[in-house]
Amino acid sequence: MDLSKQLERAREAASRGNDEYAVQLYQDLLALDPDNLQARKELLEAEVRMYAKQGVASAGKAKAFTQGLAPLIKANLYAMMNKHDQAMVECEKFLQFDPSNRSVRKLLAKAARAAGHRDIA
């Protein structure tokens, strides 16, 4: 499946400063092609820009955690059920709210390793 057009749309949205839309496009792309390392890097960049624009302080971290609570619970459940690709998708959904969260990044790396995506891990 050729996903280059979706990657190009995500890059275009990111270049225009529409990071929320770019994050959604990157997440959709990675759900279909989890081995796309370049898209994963660009997703992280878009998440960090979006996070910085919001000017999140320490109180914002709590807000980010509550917004990302459902994806975090799902990610852990999928990991326990050995559905590692789905766990990766849910980790990325959480990271859009707090891209620097170390525990979720570790969970993402473990899920990627278990799913056989060594470059991602």
PDB file of N, CA and C in Angstrom:
ATOM      1  N   MET A   1       0.840  -1.175   0.000  1.00  0.00           N
ATOM      2  CA  MET A   1       0.000   0.000   0.000  1.00  0.00           C
ATOM      3  C   MET A   1       0.887   1.241   0.000  1.00  0.00           C
ATOM      4  N   ASP A   2       0.605   2.166  -0.897  1.00  0.00           N
ATOM      5  CA  ASP A   2       1.393   3.384  -1.003  1.00  0.00           C
ATOM      6  C   ASP A   2       0.771   4.468  -0.127  1.00  0.00           C
ATOM      7  N   LEU A   3       1.503   4.848   0.889  1.00  0.00           N
ATOM      8  CA  LEU A   3       1.017   5.847   1.838  1.00  0.00           C
ATOM      9  C   LEU A   3       1.743   7.184   1.685  1.00  0.00           C
ATOM     10  N   SER A   4       2.434   7.343   0.561  1.00  0.00           N
ATOM     11  CA  SER A   4       3.233   8.553   0.370  1.00  0.00           C
ATOM     12  C   SER A   4       2.364   9.809   0.281  1.00  0.00           C
ATOM     13  N   LYS A   5       1.157   9.692  -0.279  1.00  0.00           N
ATOM     14  CA  LYS A   5       0.286  10.868  -0.377  1.00  0.00           C
ATOM     15  C   LYS A   5      -0.169  11.317   1.006  1.00  0.00           C
ATOM     16  N   GLN A   6      -0.462  10.366   1.880  1.00  0.00           N
ATOM     17  CA  GLN A   6      -0.873  10.733   3.234  1.00  0.00           C
ATOM     18  C   GLN A   6       0.298  11.366   3.986  1.00  0.00           C
ATOM     19  N   LEU A   7       1.495  10.831   3.790  1.00  0.00           N
ATOM     20  CA  LEU A   7       2.678  11.411   4.420  1.00  0.00           C
ATOM     21  C   LEU A   7       2.894  12.829   3.914  1.00  0.00           C
ATOM     22  N   GLU A   8       2.704  13.044   2.625  1.00  0.00           N
ATOM     23  CA  GLU A   8       2.866  14.380   2.055  1.00  0.00           C
ATOM     24  C   GLU A   8       1.818  15.352   2.604  1.00  0.00           C
ATOM     25  N   ARG A   9       0.575  14.887   2.762  1.00  0.00           N
ATOM     26  CA  ARG A   9      -0.472  15.742   3.342  1.00  0.00           C
ATOM     27  C   ARG A   9      -0.129  16.115   4.781  1.00  0.00           C
ATOM     28  N   ALA A  10       0.396  15.158   5.529  1.00  0.00           N
ATOM     29  CA  ALA A  10       0.778  15.434   6.923  1.00  0.00           C
ATOM     30  C   ALA A  10       1.913  16.448   6.973  1.00  0.00           C
ATOM     31  N   ARG A  11       2.883  16.300   6.100  1.00  0.00           N
ATOM     32  CA  ARG A  11       3.993  17.250   6.053  1.00  0.00           C
ATOM     33  C   ARG A  11       3.498  18.646   5.678  1.00  0.00           C
ATOM     34  N   GLU A  12       2.571  18.690   4.737  1.00  0.00           N
ATOM     35  CA  GLU A  12       2.021  19.974   4.306  1.00  0.00           C
ATOM     36  C   GLU A  12       1.266  20.652   5.455  1.00  0.00           C
ATOM     37  N   ALA A  13       0.472  19.877   6.186  1.00  0.00           N
ATOM     38  CA  ALA A  13      -0.264  20.428   7.328  1.00  0.00           C
ATOM     39  C   ALA A  13       0.699  20.929   8.395  1.00  0.00           C
ATOM     40  N   ALA A  14       1.764  20.195   8.640  1.00  0.00           N
ATOM     41  CA  ALA A  14       2.757  20.609   9.636  1.00  0.00           C
ATOM     42  C   ALA A  14       3.473  21.874   9.195  1.00  0.00           C
ATOM     43  N   SER A  15       3.775  21.982   7.919  1.00  0.00           N
ATOM     44  CA  SER A  15       4.479  23.179   7.428  1.00  0.00           C
ATOM     45  C   SER A  15       3.602  24.419   7.507  1.00  0.00           C
ATOM     46  N   ARG A  16       2.284  24.240   7.455  1.00  0.00           N
ATOM     47  CA  ARG A  16       1.354  25.368   7.578  1.00  0.00           C
ATOM     48  C   ARG A  16       1.064  25.731   9.033  1.00  0.00           C
ATOM     49  N   GLY A  17       1.592  24.930   9.948  1.00  0.00           N
ATOM     50  CA  GLY A  17       1.356  25.201  11.360  1.00  0.00           C
ATOM     51  C   GLY A  17       0.105  24.549  11.901  1.00  0.00           C
ATOM     52  N   ASN A  18      -0.537  23.706  11.108  1.00  0.00           N
ATOM     53  CA  ASN A  18      -1.737  23.001  11.546  1.00  0.00           C
ATOM     54  C   ASN A  18      -1.304  21.673  12.168  1.00  0.00           C
ATOM     55  N   ASP A  19      -0.696  21.761  13.334  1.00  0.00           N
ATOM     56  CA  ASP A  19      -0.089  20.593  13.957  1.00  0.00           C
ATOM     57  C   ASP A  19      -1.111  19.559  14.423  1.00  0.00           C
ATOM     58  N   GLU A  20      -2.280  20.006  14.865  1.00  0.00           N
ATOM     59  CA  GLU A  20      -3.293  19.044  15.311  1.00  0.00           C
ATOM     60  C   GLU A  20      -3.712  18.122  14.169  1.00  0.00           C
ATOM     61  N   TYR A  21      -3.943  18.707  12.994  1.00  0.00           N
ATOM     62  CA  TYR A  21      -4.313  17.902  11.833  1.00  0.00           C
ATOM     63  C   TYR A  21      -3.150  17.018  11.394  1.00  0.00           C
ATOM     64  N   ALA A  22      -1.948  17.567  11.437  1.00  0.00           N
ATOM     65  CA  ALA A  22      -0.760  16.794  11.062  1.00  0.00           C
ATOM     66  C   ALA A  22      -0.586  15.597  11.991  1.00  0.00           C
ATOM     67  N   VAL A  23      -0.781  15.802  13.292  1.00  0.00           N
ATOM     68  CA  VAL A  23      -0.664  14.705  14.259  1.00  0.00           C
ATOM     69  C   VAL A  23      -1.669  13.612  13.925  1.00  0.00           C
ATOM     70  N   GLN A  24      -2.895  14.003  13.613  1.00  0.00           N
ATOM     71  CA  GLN A  24      -3.922  13.013  13.274  1.00  0.00           C
ATOM     72  C   GLN A  24      -3.540  12.226  12.027  1.00  0.00           C
ATOM     73  N   LEU A  25      -3.038  12.926  11.007  1.00  0.00           N
ATOM     74  CA  LEU A  25      -2.623  12.246   9.774  1.00  0.00           C
ATOM     75  C   LEU A  25      -1.452  11.299  10.021  1.00  0.00           C
ATOM     76  N   TYR A  26      -0.475  11.744  10.800  1.00  0.00           N
ATOM     77  CA  TYR A  26       0.664  10.885  11.119  1.00  0.00           C
ATOM     78  C   TYR A  26       0.213   9.653  11.909  1.00  0.00           C
ATOM     79  N   GLN A  27      -0.691   9.846  12.862  1.00  0.00           N
ATOM     80  CA  GLN A  27      -1.179   8.709  13.645  1.00  0.00           C
ATOM     81  C   GLN A  27      -1.909   7.706  12.762  1.00  0.00           C
ATOM     82  N   ASP A  28      -2.723   8.198  11.848  1.00  0.00           N
ATOM     83  CA  ASP A  28      -3.426   7.302  10.926  1.00  0.00           C
ATOM     84  C   ASP A  28      -2.438   6.535  10.053  1.00  0.00           C
ATOM     85  N   LEU A  29      -1.420   7.241   9.584  1.00  0.00           N
ATOM     86  CA  LEU A  29      -0.408   6.617   8.744  1.00  0.00           C
ATOM     87  C   LEU A  29       0.343   5.538   9.510  1.00  0.00           C
ATOM     88  N   LEU A  30       0.713   5.837  10.761  1.00  0.00           N
ATOM     89  CA  LEU A  30       1.467   4.872  11.556  1.00  0.00           C
ATOM     90  C   LEU A  30       0.613   3.686  11.986  1.00  0.00           C
ATOM     91  N   ALA A  31      -0.684   3.852  12.063  1.00  0.00           N
ATOM     92  CA  ALA A  31      -1.558   2.716  12.351  1.00  0.00           C
ATOM     93  C   ALA A  31      -1.518   1.721  11.194  1.00  0.00           C
ATOM     94  N   LEU A  32      -1.328   2.226   9.985  1.00  0.00           N
ATOM     95  CA  LEU A  32      -1.254   1.360   8.806  1.00  0.00           C
ATOM     96  C   LEU A  32       0.163   0.864   8.527  1.00  0.00           C
ATOM     97  N   ASP A  33       1.151   1.681   8.842  1.00  0.00           N
ATOM     98  CA  ASP A  33       2.544   1.352   8.571  1.00  0.00           C
ATOM     99  C   ASP A  33       3.409   1.696   9.781  1.00  0.00           C
ATOM    100  N   PRO A  34       3.396   0.847  10.819  1.00  0.00           N
ATOM    101  CA  PRO A  34       4.129   1.175  12.053  1.00  0.00           C
ATOM    102  C   PRO A  34       5.641   1.220  11.888  1.00  0.00           C
ATOM    103  N   ASP A  35       6.190   0.687  10.808  1.00  0.00           N
ATOM    104  CA  ASP A  35       7.638   0.689  10.600  1.00  0.00           C
ATOM    105  C   ASP A  35       8.159   1.974   9.966  1.00  0.00           C
ATOM    106  N   ASN A  36       7.283   2.918   9.658  1.00  0.00           N
ATOM    107  CA  ASN A  36       7.697   4.149   8.999  1.00  0.00           C
ATOM    108  C   ASN A  36       8.389   5.063  10.014  1.00  0.00           C
ATOM    109  N   LEU A  37       9.688   4.944  10.077  1.00  0.00           N
ATOM    110  CA  LEU A  37      10.483   5.670  11.069  1.00  0.00           C
ATOM    111  C   LEU A  37      10.451   7.177  10.822  1.00  0.00           C
ATOM    112  N   GLN A  38      10.490   7.582   9.570  1.00  0.00           N
ATOM    113  CA  GLN A  38      10.473   9.011   9.252  1.00  0.00           C
ATOM    114  C   GLN A  38       9.152   9.650   9.692  1.00  0.00           C
ATOM    115  N   ALA A  39       8.044   8.972   9.450  1.00  0.00           N
ATOM    116  CA  ALA A  39       6.742   9.504   9.880  1.00  0.00           C
ATOM    117  C   ALA A  39       6.674   9.586  11.399  1.00  0.00           C
ATOM    118  N   ARG A  40       7.261   8.626  12.073  1.00  0.00           N
ATOM    119  CA  ARG A  40       7.258   8.633  13.542  1.00  0.00           C
ATOM    120  C   ARG A  40       8.069   9.812  14.084  1.00  0.00           C
ATOM    121  N   LYS A  41       9.204  10.104  13.444  1.00  0.00           N
ATOM    122  CA  LYS A  41      10.012  11.254  13.858  1.00  0.00           C
ATOM    123  C   LYS A  41       9.261  12.559  13.623  1.00  0.00           C
ATOM    124  N   GLU A  42       8.621  12.664  12.472  1.00  0.00           N
ATOM    125  CA  GLU A  42       7.876  13.883  12.153  1.00  0.00           C
ATOM    126  C   GLU A  42       6.656  14.034  13.057  1.00  0.00           C
ATOM    127  N   LEU A  43       6.054  12.924  13.444  1.00  0.00           N
ATOM    128  CA  LEU A  43       4.937  12.968  14.393  1.00  0.00           C
ATOM    129  C   LEU A  43       5.405  13.543  15.720  1.00  0.00           C
ATOM    130  N   LEU A  44       6.528  13.070  16.208  1.00  0.00           N
ATOM    131  CA  LEU A  44       7.054  13.575  17.480  1.00  0.00           C
ATOM    132  C   LEU A  44       7.339  15.075  17.393  1.00  0.00           C
ATOM    133  N   GLU A  45       7.905  15.514  16.284  1.00  0.00           N
ATOM    134  CA  GLU A  45       8.180  16.940  16.108  1.00  0.00           C
ATOM    135  C   GLU A  45       6.887  17.749  16.139  1.00  0.00           C
ATOM    136  N   ALA A  46       5.854  17.262  15.462  1.00  0.00           N
ATOM    137  CA  ALA A  46       4.565  17.959  15.439  1.00  0.00           C
ATOM    138  C   ALA A  46       3.935  17.976  16.832  1.00  0.00           C
ATOM    139  N   GLU A  47       4.058  16.865  17.566  1.00  0.00           N
ATOM    140  CA  GLU A  47       3.512  16.815  18.920  1.00  0.00           C
ATOM    141  C   GLU A  47       4.223  17.801  19.840  1.00  0.00           C
ATOM    142  N   VAL A  48       5.526  17.877  19.717  1.00  0.00           N
ATOM    143  CA  VAL A  48       6.297  18.794  20.558  1.00  0.00           C
ATOM    144  C   VAL A  48       5.929  20.242  20.228  1.00  0.00           C
ATOM    145  N   ARG A  49       5.779  20.571  18.941  1.00  0.00           N
ATOM    146  CA  ARG A  49       5.373  21.927  18.555  1.00  0.00           C
ATOM    147  C   ARG A  49       3.983  22.254  19.098  1.00  0.00           C
ATOM    148  N   MET A  50       3.065  21.303  18.973  1.00  0.00           N
ATOM    149  CA  MET A  50       1.709  21.509  19.450  1.00  0.00           C
ATOM    150  C   MET A  50       1.708  21.710  20.967  1.00  0.00           C
ATOM    151  N   TYR A  51       2.489  20.925  21.659  1.00  0.00           N
ATOM    152  CA  TYR A  51       2.613  21.002  23.115  1.00  0.00           C
ATOM    153  C   TYR A  51       3.203  22.348  23.531  1.00  0.00           C
ATOM    154  N   ALA A  52       4.220  22.806  22.795  1.00  0.00           N
ATOM    155  CA  ALA A  52       4.867  24.086  23.107  1.00  0.00           C
ATOM    156  C   ALA A  52       3.920  25.259  22.850  1.00  0.00           C
ATOM    157  N   LYS A  53       3.116  25.180  21.799  1.00  0.00           N
ATOM    158  CA  LYS A  53       2.163  26.254  21.501  1.00  0.00           C
ATOM    159  C   LYS A  53       1.146  26.423  22.614  1.00  0.00           C
ATOM    160  N   GLN A  54       0.798  25.328  23.263  1.00  0.00           N
ATOM    161  CA  GLN A  54      -0.191  25.381  24.325  1.00  0.00           C
ATOM    162  C   GLN A  54       0.371  26.008  25.590  1.00  0.00           C
ATOM    163  N   GLY A  55       1.689  26.103  25.704  1.00  0.00           N
ATOM    164  CA  GLY A  55       2.312  26.697  26.869  1.00  0.00           C
ATOM    165  C   GLY A  55       1.967  25.942  28.139  1.00  0.00           C
ATOM    166  N   VAL A  56       2.068  24.637  28.070  1.00  0.00           N
ATOM    167  CA  VAL A  56       1.649  23.794  29.184  1.00  0.00           C
ATOM    168  C   VAL A  56       2.615  23.935  30.357  1.00  0.00           C
ATOM    169  N   ALA A  57       2.073  24.276  31.504  1.00  0.00           N
ATOM    170  CA  ALA A  57       2.858  24.348  32.741  1.00  0.00           C
ATOM    171  C   ALA A  57       2.626  23.062  33.525  1.00  0.00           C
ATOM    172  N   SER A  58       3.021  23.047  34.773  1.00  0.00           N
ATOM    173  CA  SER A  58       2.868  21.833  35.576  1.00  0.00           C
ATOM    174  C   SER A  58       1.398  21.452  35.740  1.00  0.00           C
ATOM    175  N   ALA A  59       0.506  22.428  35.843  1.00  0.00           N
ATOM    176  CA  ALA A  59      -0.924  22.122  35.927  1.00  0.00           C
ATOM    177  C   ALA A  59      -1.407  21.525  34.616  1.00  0.00           C
ATOM    178  N   GLY A  60      -0.774  21.927  33.521  1.00  0.00           N
ATOM    179  CA  GLY A  60      -1.141  21.393  32.215  1.00  0.00           C
ATOM    180  C   GLY A  60      -0.781  19.930  32.071  1.00  0.00           C
ATOM    181  N   LYS A  61       0.264  19.497  32.772  1.00  0.00           N
ATOM    182  CA  LYS A  61       0.644  18.080  32.728  1.00  0.00           C
ATOM    183  C   LYS A  61      -0.471  17.222  33.295  1.00  0.00           C
ATOM    184  N   ALA A  62      -1.102  17.700  34.362  1.00  0.00           N
ATOM    185  CA  ALA A  62      -2.224  16.959  34.936  1.00  0.00           C
ATOM    186  C   ALA A  62      -3.382  16.912  33.950  1.00  0.00           C
ATOM    187  N   LYS A  63      -3.617  18.027  33.277  1.00  0.00           N
ATOM    188  CA  LYS A  63      -4.675  18.059  32.266  1.00  0.00           C
ATOM    189  C   LYS A  63      -4.347  17.100  31.122  1.00  0.00           C
ATOM    190  N   ALA A  64      -3.084  17.093  30.697  1.00  0.00           N
ATOM    191  CA  ALA A  64      -2.659  16.195  29.626  1.00  0.00           C
ATOM    192  C   ALA A  64      -2.844  14.744  30.043  1.00  0.00           C
ATOM    193  N   PHE A  65      -2.548  14.454  31.310  1.00  0.00           N
ATOM    194  CA  PHE A  65      -2.695  13.087  31.788  1.00  0.00           C
ATOM    195  C   PHE A  65      -4.165  12.671  31.793  1.00  0.00           C
ATOM    196  N   THR A  66      -5.054  13.565  32.214  1.00  0.00           N
ATOM    197  CA  THR A  66      -6.477  13.199  32.231  1.00  0.00           C
ATOM    198  C   THR A  66      -7.022  13.045  30.822  1.00  0.00           C
ATOM    199  N   GLN A  67      -6.557  13.876  29.882  1.00  0.00           N
ATOM    200  CA  GLN A  67      -7.003  13.734  28.495  1.00  0.00           C
ATOM    201  C   GLN A  67      -6.476  12.446  27.873  1.00  0.00           C
ATOM    202  N   GLY A  68      -5.303  12.033  28.276  1.00  0.00           N
ATOM    203  CA  GLY A  68      -4.696  10.841  27.701  1.00  0.00           C
ATOM    204  C   GLY A  68      -4.923   9.587  28.516  1.00  0.00           C
ATOM    205  N   LEU A  69      -5.755   9.665  29.542  1.00  0.00           N
ATOM    206  CA  LEU A  69      -5.963   8.518  30.423  1.00  0.00           C
ATOM    207  C   LEU A  69      -6.572   7.326  29.688  1.00  0.00           C
ATOM    208  N   ALA A  70      -7.580   7.562  28.867  1.00  0.00           N
ATOM    209  CA  ALA A  70      -8.219   6.454  28.140  1.00  0.00           C
ATOM    210  C   ALA A  70      -7.231   5.748  27.209  1.00  0.00           C
ATOM    211  N   PRO A  71      -6.465   6.480  26.381  1.00  0.00           N
ATOM    212  CA  PRO A  71      -5.468   5.789  25.557  1.00  0.00           C
ATOM    213  C   PRO A  71      -4.416   5.051  26.377  1.00  0.00           C
ATOM    214  N   LEU A  72      -4.039   5.599  27.532  1.00  0.00           N
ATOM    215  CA  LEU A  72      -3.048   4.951  28.385  1.00  0.00           C
ATOM    216  C   LEU A  72      -3.573   3.627  28.927  1.00  0.00           C
ATOM    217  N   ILE A  73      -4.810   3.625  29.370  1.00  0.00           N
ATOM    218  CA  ILE A  73      -5.422   2.386  29.867  1.00  0.00           C
ATOM    219  C   ILE A  73      -5.519   1.362  28.744  1.00  0.00           C
ATOM    220  N   LYS A  74      -5.957   1.817  27.571  1.00  0.00           N
ATOM    221  CA  LYS A  74      -6.061   0.909  26.422  1.00  0.00           C
ATOM    222  C   LYS A  74      -4.697   0.343  26.038  1.00  0.00           C
ATOM    223  N   ALA A  75      -3.685   1.190  26.038  1.00  0.00           N
ATOM    224  CA  ALA A  75      -2.335   0.739  25.673  1.00  0.00           C
ATOM    225  C   ALA A  75      -1.866  -0.363  26.608  1.00  0.00           C
ATOM    226  N   ASN A  76      -2.075  -0.177  27.903  1.00  0.00           N
ATOM    227  CA  ASN A  76      -1.671  -1.199  28.869  1.00  0.00           C
ATOM    228  C   ASN A  76      -2.477  -2.481  28.698  1.00  0.00           C
ATOM    229  N   LEU A  77      -3.760  -2.359  28.442  1.00  0.00           N
ATOM    230  CA  LEU A  77      -4.582  -3.554  28.219  1.00  0.00           C
ATOM    231  C   LEU A  77      -4.144  -4.306  26.965  1.00  0.00           C
ATOM    232  N   TYR A  78      -3.910  -3.568  25.879  1.00  0.00           N
ATOM    233  CA  TYR A  78      -3.457  -4.214  24.642  1.00  0.00           C
ATOM    234  C   TYR A  78      -2.106  -4.892  24.847  1.00  0.00           C
ATOM    235  N   ALA A  79      -1.230  -4.256  25.613  1.00  0.00           N
ATOM    236  CA  ALA A  79       0.082  -4.856  25.875  1.00  0.00           C
ATOM    237  C   ALA A  79      -0.068  -6.158  26.654  1.00  0.00           C
ATOM    238  N   MET A  80      -0.972  -6.187  27.631  1.00  0.00           N
ATOM    239  CA  MET A  80      -1.200  -7.413  28.403  1.00  0.00           C
ATOM    240  C   MET A  80      -1.831  -8.510  27.553  1.00  0.00           C
ATOM    241  N   MET A  81      -2.602  -8.106  26.530  1.00  0.00           N
ATOM    242  CA  MET A  81      -3.262  -9.077  25.659  1.00  0.00           C
ATOM    243  C   MET A  81      -2.389  -9.456  24.461  1.00  0.00           C
ATOM    244  N   ASN A  82      -1.135  -9.003  24.459  1.00  0.00           N
ATOM    245  CA  ASN A  82      -0.185  -9.259  23.371  1.00  0.00           C
ATOM    246  C   ASN A  82      -0.663  -8.712  22.031  1.00  0.00           C
ATOM    247  N   LYS A  83      -1.396  -7.620  22.058  1.00  0.00           N
ATOM    248  CA  LYS A  83      -1.791  -6.900  20.842  1.00  0.00           C
ATOM    249  C   LYS A  83      -0.918  -5.647  20.775  1.00  0.00           C
ATOM    250  N   HIS A  84       0.326  -5.871  20.421  1.00  0.00           N
ATOM    251  CA  HIS A  84       1.335  -4.829  20.547  1.00  0.00           C
ATOM    252  C   HIS A  84       1.177  -3.708  19.528  1.00  0.00           C
ATOM    253  N   ASP A  85       0.701  -4.012  18.325  1.00  0.00           N
ATOM    254  CA  ASP A  85       0.490  -2.946  17.344  1.00  0.00           C
ATOM    255  C   ASP A  85      -0.576  -1.971  17.826  1.00  0.00           C
ATOM    256  N   GLN A  86      -1.660  -2.499  18.406  1.00  0.00           N
ATOM    257  CA  GLN A  86      -2.705  -1.626  18.937  1.00  0.00           C
ATOM    258  C   GLN A  86      -2.188  -0.831  20.144  1.00  0.00           C
ATOM    259  N   ALA A  87      -1.336  -1.455  20.948  1.00  0.00           N
ATOM    260  CA  ALA A  87      -0.748  -0.752  22.088  1.00  0.00           C
ATOM    261  C   ALA A  87       0.095   0.430  21.607  1.00  0.00           C
ATOM    262  N   MET A  88       0.813   0.248  20.509  1.00  0.00           N
ATOM    263  CA  MET A  88       1.614   1.332  19.949  1.00  0.00           C
ATOM    264  C   MET A  88       0.725   2.492  19.508  1.00  0.00           C
ATOM    265  N   VAL A  89      -0.397   2.171  18.870  1.00  0.00           N
ATOM    266  CA  VAL A  89      -1.326   3.209  18.413  1.00  0.00           C
ATOM    267  C   VAL A  89      -1.847   4.012  19.599  1.00  0.00           C
ATOM    268  N   GLU A  90      -2.213   3.328  20.665  1.00  0.00           N
ATOM    269  CA  GLU A  90      -2.746   4.013  21.846  1.00  0.00           C
ATOM    270  C   GLU A  90      -1.672   4.839  22.546  1.00  0.00           C
ATOM    271  N   CYS A  91      -0.444   4.351  22.548  1.00  0.00           N
ATOM    272  CA  CYS A  91       0.656   5.143  23.129  1.00  0.00           C
ATOM    273  C   CYS A  91       0.824   6.455  22.364  1.00  0.00           C
ATOM    274  N   GLU A  92       0.757   6.387  21.048  1.00  0.00           N
ATOM    275  CA  GLU A  92       0.887   7.603  20.241  1.00  0.00           C
ATOM    276  C   GLU A  92      -0.260   8.564  20.518  1.00  0.00           C
ATOM    277  N   LYS A  93      -1.450   8.032  20.757  1.00  0.00           N
ATOM    278  CA  LYS A  93      -2.588   8.895  21.087  1.00  0.00           C
ATOM    279  C   LYS A  93      -2.347   9.623  22.404  1.00  0.00           C
ATOM    280  N   PHE A  94      -1.748   8.938  23.380  1.00  0.00           N
ATOM    281  CA  PHE A  94      -1.428   9.598  24.650  1.00  0.00           C
ATOM    282  C   PHE A  94      -0.352  10.650  24.450  1.00  0.00           C
ATOM    283  N   LEU A  95       0.670  10.325  23.673  1.00  0.00           N
ATOM    284  CA  LEU A  95       1.816  11.211  23.517  1.00  0.00           C
ATOM    285  C   LEU A  95       1.462  12.534  22.847  1.00  0.00           C
ATOM    286  N   GLN A  96       0.320  12.606  22.176  1.00  0.00           N
ATOM    287  CA  GLN A  96      -0.063  13.894  21.599  1.00  0.00           C
ATOM    288  C   GLN A  96      -0.409  14.906  22.695  1.00  0.00           C
ATOM    289  N   PHE A  97      -0.742  14.420  23.873  1.00  0.00           N
ATOM    290  CA  PHE A  97      -1.050  15.301  24.996  1.00  0.00           C
ATOM    291  C   PHE A  97       0.181  15.597  25.851  1.00  0.00           C
ATOM    292  N   ASP A  98       1.133  14.679  25.886  1.00  0.00           N
ATOM    293  CA  ASP A  98       2.361  14.864  26.672  1.00  0.00           C
ATOM    294  C   ASP A  98       3.489  14.093  25.988  1.00  0.00           C
ATOM    295  N   PRO A  99       4.125  14.701  24.969  1.00  0.00           N
ATOM    296  CA  PRO A  99       5.132  13.977  24.182  1.00  0.00           C
ATOM    297  C   PRO A  99       6.404  13.626  24.937  1.00  0.00           C
ATOM    298  N   SER A 100       6.604  14.185  26.110  1.00  0.00           N
ATOM    299  CA  SER A 100       7.837  13.901  26.844  1.00  0.00           C
ATOM    300  C   SER A 100       7.632  12.891  27.974  1.00  0.00           C
ATOM    301  N   ASN A 101       6.490  12.251  28.035  1.00  0.00           N
ATOM    302  CA  ASN A 101       6.190  11.307  29.110  1.00  0.00           C
ATOM    303  C   ASN A 101       7.054  10.060  28.947  1.00  0.00           C
ATOM    304  N   ARG A 102       7.966   9.856  29.886  1.00  0.00           N
ATOM    305  CA  ARG A 102       8.934   8.758  29.771  1.00  0.00           C
ATOM    306  C   ARG A 102       8.295   7.387  29.913  1.00  0.00           C
ATOM    307  N   SER A 103       7.342   7.242  30.807  1.00  0.00           N
ATOM    308  CA  SER A 103       6.757   5.917  31.019  1.00  0.00           C
ATOM    309  C   SER A 103       5.974   5.459  29.787  1.00  0.00           C
ATOM    310  N   VAL A 104       5.297   6.373  29.129  1.00  0.00           N
ATOM    311  CA  VAL A 104       4.551   6.000  27.919  1.00  0.00           C
ATOM    312  C   VAL A 104       5.515   5.730  26.773  1.00  0.00           C
ATOM    313  N   ARG A 105       6.618   6.492  26.709  1.00  0.00           N
ATOM    314  CA  ARG A 105       7.609   6.227  25.665  1.00  0.00           C
ATOM    315  C   ARG A 105       8.259   4.855  25.870  1.00  0.00           C
ATOM    316  N   LYS A 106       8.471   4.468  27.132  1.00  0.00           N
ATOM    317  CA  LYS A 106       9.006   3.131  27.413  1.00  0.00           C
ATOM    318  C   LYS A 106       8.000   2.050  27.016  1.00  0.00           C
ATOM    319  N   LEU A 107       6.733   2.287  27.313  1.00  0.00           N
ATOM    320  CA  LEU A 107       5.692   1.337  26.925  1.00  0.00           C
ATOM    321  C   LEU A 107       5.624   1.205  25.410  1.00  0.00           C
ATOM    322  N   LEU A 108       5.753   2.319  24.704  1.00  0.00           N
ATOM    323  CA  LEU A 108       5.775   2.304  23.245  1.00  0.00           C
ATOM    324  C   LEU A 108       6.965   1.489  22.738  1.00  0.00           C
ATOM    325  N   ALA A 109       8.125   1.690  23.335  1.00  0.00           N
ATOM    326  CA  ALA A 109       9.323   0.949  22.913  1.00  0.00           C
ATOM    327  C   ALA A 109       9.171  -0.547  23.178  1.00  0.00           C
ATOM    328  N   LYS A 110       8.618  -0.903  24.335  1.00  0.00           N
ATOM    329  CA  LYS A 110       8.411  -2.324  24.645  1.00  0.00           C
ATOM    330  C   LYS A 110       7.427  -2.961  23.675  1.00  0.00           C
ATOM    331  N   ALA A 111       6.352  -2.238  23.372  1.00  0.00           N
ATOM    332  CA  ALA A 111       5.352  -2.765  22.439  1.00  0.00           C
ATOM    333  C   ALA A 111       5.951  -2.915  21.040  1.00  0.00           C
ATOM    334  N   ALA A 112       6.748  -1.940  20.629  1.00  0.00           N
ATOM    335  CA  ALA A 112       7.390  -2.015  19.301  1.00  0.00           C
ATOM    336  C   ALA A 112       8.351  -3.192  19.240  1.00  0.00           C
ATOM    337  N   ARG A 113       9.117  -3.385  20.290  1.00  0.00           N
ATOM    338  CA  ARG A 113      10.058  -4.508  20.326  1.00  0.00           C
ATOM    339  C   ARG A 113       9.311  -5.833  20.271  1.00  0.00           C
ATOM    340  N   ALA A 114       8.236  -5.943  21.059  1.00  0.00           N
ATOM    341  CA  ALA A 114       7.472  -7.176  21.104  1.00  0.00           C
ATOM    342  C   ALA A 114       6.756  -7.452  19.782  1.00  0.00           C
ATOM    343  N   ALA A 115       6.397  -6.382  19.055  1.00  0.00           N
ATOM    344  CA  ALA A 115       5.724  -6.554  17.765  1.00  0.00           C
ATOM    345  C   ALA A 115       6.709  -6.792  16.638  1.00  0.00           C
ATOM    346  N   GLY A 116       8.007  -6.721  16.932  1.00  0.00           N
ATOM    347  CA  GLY A 116       9.020  -6.992  15.911  1.00  0.00           C
ATOM    348  C   GLY A 116       9.481  -5.755  15.156  1.00  0.00           C
ATOM    349  N   HIS A 117       9.147  -4.581  15.654  1.00  0.00           N
ATOM    350  CA  HIS A 117       9.565  -3.329  15.019  1.00  0.00           C
ATOM    351  C   HIS A 117      10.828  -2.828  15.728  1.00  0.00           C
ATOM    352  N   ARG A 118      11.925  -3.465  15.457  1.00  0.00           N
ATOM    353  CA  ARG A 118      13.182  -3.188  16.150  1.00  0.00           C
ATOM    354  C   ARG A 118      13.678  -1.753  15.926  1.00  0.00           C
ATOM    355  N   ASP A 119      13.531  -1.228  14.719  1.00  0.00           N
ATOM    356  CA  ASP A 119      14.005   0.129  14.444  1.00  0.00           C
ATOM    357  C   ASP A 119      13.222   1.161  15.228  1.00  0.00           C
ATOM    358  N   ILE A 120      11.950   0.906  15.422  1.00  0.00           N
ATOM    359  CA  ILE A 120      11.096   1.822  16.169  1.00  0.00           C
ATOM    360  C   ILE A 120      11.457   1.769  17.639  1.00  0.00           C
ATOM    361  N   ALA A 121      11.669   0.586  18.155  1.00  0.00           N
ATOM    362  CA  ALA A 121      12.003   0.425  19.583  1.00  0.00           C
ATOM    363  C   ALA A 121      13.299   1.116  19.894  1.00  0.00           C
TER     364      ALA A 121
END
